[in-house]
Amino acid sequence: MKRICNQCQTEMINDCRVTVEADISGIKITQKGKGLFNNVSAKLKASVCPNCGNVALYVDDFNKFKQ
């Protein structure tokens, strides 16, 4: 999916990894579901603007999350 920077309208570089220093697993987004084993989770990714340095966070499998 093509992402455009909100700050300068430049096409962003997608699929960048997000990690926390001293932890190689990165950051996950989790939604608790109904029942014991119905949790949904996805790894967080980032897009970076090569023009102004703006960063946007996203998940690829956003359709798994329901309200």
Protein backbone atom coordinates (compact mmCIF):
# COMPACT_ATOMS: atom_id res chain seq x y z
CA MET A 1 0.00 0.00 0.00
CA LYS A 2 1.38 3.37 -1.01
CA ARG A 3 1.64 5.77 1.95
CA ILE A 4 1.92 9.54 1.61
CA CYS A 5 3.54 11.73 4.28
CA ASN A 6 1.03 13.92 6.13
CA GLN A 7 3.64 16.65 6.57
CA CYS A 8 5.09 17.15 3.08
CA GLN A 9 3.03 14.87 0.74
CA THR A 10 6.07 12.77 -0.28
CA GLU A 11 5.76 9.01 -0.87
CA MET A 12 7.01 7.21 2.23
CA ILE A 13 9.36 4.21 2.49
CA ASN A 14 7.28 1.28 3.83
CA ASP A 15 8.04 -1.96 5.67
CA CYS A 16 10.56 -0.60 8.18
CA ARG A 17 11.06 -2.63 11.36
CA VAL A 18 10.22 -1.16 14.76
CA THR A 19 12.28 -2.46 17.67
CA VAL A 20 12.97 -1.48 21.25
CA GLU A 21 16.62 -1.31 22.28
CA ALA A 22 17.71 -4.33 24.34
CA ASP A 23 14.69 -6.31 23.08
CA ILE A 24 14.86 -7.98 19.66
CA SER A 25 11.17 -8.96 19.54
CA GLY A 26 9.94 -5.48 18.59
CA ILE A 27 6.52 -4.10 19.48
CA LYS A 28 3.23 -5.95 18.99
CA ILE A 29 -0.32 -4.62 18.95
CA THR A 30 -2.79 -6.98 20.65
CA GLN A 31 -6.58 -6.97 20.97
CA LYS A 32 -8.18 -9.20 23.57
CA GLY A 33 -10.98 -11.27 22.09
CA LYS A 34 -13.87 -13.14 23.62
CA GLY A 35 -12.82 -16.47 25.09
CA LEU A 36 -9.49 -17.78 26.26
CA PHE A 37 -7.54 -18.15 23.00
CA ASN A 38 -9.14 -15.49 20.78
CA ASN A 39 -6.51 -12.76 21.12
CA VAL A 40 -5.45 -11.05 17.91
CA SER A 41 -1.98 -9.61 17.49
CA ALA A 42 0.11 -8.06 14.75
CA LYS A 43 3.65 -6.77 14.52
CA LEU A 44 4.01 -3.03 14.28
CA LYS A 45 5.75 -1.63 11.19
CA ALA A 46 6.77 1.87 10.21
CA SER A 47 6.87 4.08 7.14
CA VAL A 48 9.55 6.78 6.98
CA CYS A 49 9.44 9.91 4.84
CA PRO A 50 12.76 10.34 3.00
CA ASN A 51 12.11 14.09 2.64
CA CYS A 52 11.23 15.32 6.16
CA GLY A 53 11.80 12.27 8.43
CA ASN A 54 8.16 11.88 9.51
CA VAL A 55 7.35 8.37 10.82
CA ALA A 56 3.96 6.62 10.55
CA LEU A 57 3.22 3.36 12.39
CA TYR A 58 0.94 0.66 10.94
CA VAL A 59 0.08 -3.05 10.92
CA ASP A 60 -0.33 -5.10 7.72
CA ASP A 61 -3.06 -7.42 9.01
CA PHE A 62 -5.46 -4.74 10.25
CA ASN A 63 -8.52 -6.71 9.05
CA LYS A 64 -8.00 -9.21 11.90
CA PHE A 65 -8.90 -6.52 14.45
CA LYS A 66 -12.63 -6.20 15.08
CA GLN A 67 -14.68 -4.01 17.36
